Amino acid sequence: MPKVDFTEILAAWCQRKVQEAHSADLEITFDRTRDGRTKHSAWVELEFQGRLGELMIWSTGEAEYMVGDESGPAVNEHHEVGSIEQLHVLLERLIEAVQPSQ
């Protein structure tokens, strides 16, 4: 079984979500490390009406999940992501925390 690069999965997810998010006034920003590190990372930042969220993931599956507002994080969690499904669950949870259903 090939090793999953979670940073690439995050990049693909962000690409798919950007248009949908724009129409819902949810701002999505994606970036990644660009140097030759063996343990590289990528992150997505979400913003909606003063609510902020960030998920940073390393190629190894380690992840940091943060949600809060301009005053700082209210939630800061460390996760060990072992599958694409687990990453998608965290991303959907992040969206729900930043942009709760009306």
Protein backbone atom coordinates (compact mmCIF):
# COMPACT_ATOMS: atom_id res chain seq x y z
CA MET A 1 0.00 0.00 0.00
CA PRO A 2 1.48 3.38 -0.98
CA LYS A 3 2.14 5.92 1.74
CA VAL A 4 -0.40 8.77 1.84
CA ASP A 5 0.95 12.33 1.71
CA PHE A 6 -1.65 14.19 3.75
CA THR A 7 -0.36 17.57 2.57
CA GLU A 8 -1.36 16.66 -1.00
CA ILE A 9 -4.79 15.50 0.18
CA LEU A 10 -5.26 18.83 1.97
CA ALA A 11 -4.22 20.76 -1.16
CA ALA A 12 -6.76 18.86 -3.28
CA TRP A 13 -9.52 19.40 -0.70
CA CYS A 14 -8.83 23.15 -0.63
CA GLN A 15 -8.92 23.35 -4.42
CA ARG A 16 -12.35 21.70 -4.45
CA LYS A 17 -13.76 23.86 -1.63
CA VAL A 18 -12.59 27.34 -2.69
CA GLN A 19 -15.41 28.10 -5.13
CA GLU A 20 -18.10 26.72 -2.83
CA ALA A 21 -16.68 28.68 0.12
CA HIS A 22 -16.48 31.94 -1.82
CA SER A 23 -20.21 31.86 -2.53
CA ALA A 24 -20.85 31.30 1.20
CA ASP A 25 -18.57 34.20 2.30
CA LEU A 26 -16.11 31.74 3.84
CA GLU A 27 -12.51 32.66 3.13
CA ILE A 28 -10.12 29.73 2.61
CA THR A 29 -6.35 30.20 2.45
CA PHE A 30 -3.94 27.35 1.74
CA ASP A 31 -0.16 27.24 1.98
CA ARG A 32 2.64 24.73 2.45
CA THR A 33 6.33 24.51 3.24
CA ARG A 34 8.42 25.00 0.13
CA ASP A 35 11.87 23.89 1.16
CA GLY A 36 13.49 20.46 1.06
CA ARG A 37 12.46 19.26 4.53
CA THR A 38 11.83 15.54 4.84
CA LYS A 39 8.85 16.28 7.11
CA HIS A 40 6.91 18.93 5.20
CA SER A 41 3.63 20.54 6.19
CA ALA A 42 0.60 22.28 4.72
CA TRP A 43 -2.15 24.29 6.33
CA VAL A 44 -5.54 25.73 5.64
CA GLU A 45 -6.93 28.83 7.31
CA LEU A 46 -10.65 29.58 7.36
CA GLU A 47 -12.32 32.87 8.23
CA PHE A 48 -16.00 33.71 8.52
CA GLN A 49 -17.44 36.77 10.28
CA GLY A 50 -14.59 37.06 12.78
CA ARG A 51 -14.36 33.30 13.46
CA LEU A 52 -10.99 31.76 12.58
CA GLY A 53 -9.89 28.19 12.08
CA GLU A 54 -6.66 26.53 11.07
CA LEU A 55 -5.61 22.98 10.38
CA MET A 56 -1.92 22.29 9.91
CA ILE A 57 -0.88 18.82 8.86
CA TRP A 58 2.51 17.25 8.34
CA SER A 59 3.25 14.60 5.74
CA THR A 60 3.49 12.12 8.63
CA GLY A 61 -0.14 12.67 9.66
CA GLU A 62 0.53 14.80 12.73
CA ALA A 63 -1.97 17.67 12.82
CA GLU A 64 -2.76 20.79 14.80
CA TYR A 65 -6.39 21.94 14.89
CA MET A 66 -7.21 25.46 16.10
CA VAL A 67 -10.47 27.44 16.25
CA GLY A 68 -11.15 30.82 17.79
CA ASP A 69 -11.54 34.47 16.93
CA GLU A 70 -9.30 37.53 16.62
CA SER A 71 -8.61 37.44 20.37
CA GLY A 72 -6.98 34.01 20.10
CA PRO A 73 -7.66 30.29 19.93
CA ALA A 74 -10.50 28.83 21.99
CA VAL A 75 -9.69 25.29 20.85
CA ASN A 76 -6.19 23.97 20.22
CA GLU A 77 -5.87 20.22 19.65
CA HIS A 78 -3.20 17.82 18.45
CA HIS A 79 -4.28 14.89 16.25
CA GLU A 80 -2.64 11.87 14.67
CA VAL A 81 -4.33 11.44 11.29
CA GLY A 82 -4.07 7.91 9.94
CA SER A 83 -6.41 8.00 6.96
CA ILE A 84 -7.86 10.30 4.33
CA GLU A 85 -11.27 9.84 5.97
CA GLN A 86 -9.92 11.09 9.32
CA LEU A 87 -8.50 14.18 7.60
CA HIS A 88 -11.83 14.89 5.90
CA VAL A 89 -13.66 14.57 9.23
CA LEU A 90 -11.32 17.15 10.79
CA LEU A 91 -11.79 19.50 7.85
CA GLU A 92 -15.58 19.26 7.98
CA ARG A 93 -15.45 19.82 11.74
CA LEU A 94 -13.28 22.89 11.14
CA ILE A 95 -15.81 24.34 8.69
CA GLU A 96 -18.68 23.68 11.09
CA ALA A 97 -16.77 25.38 13.95
CA VAL A 98 -15.98 28.49 11.90
CA GLN A 99 -19.25 28.71 9.98
CA PRO A 100 -21.97 27.05 12.10
CA SER A 101 -25.20 26.08 10.38
CA GLN A 102 -27.87 28.73 10.72
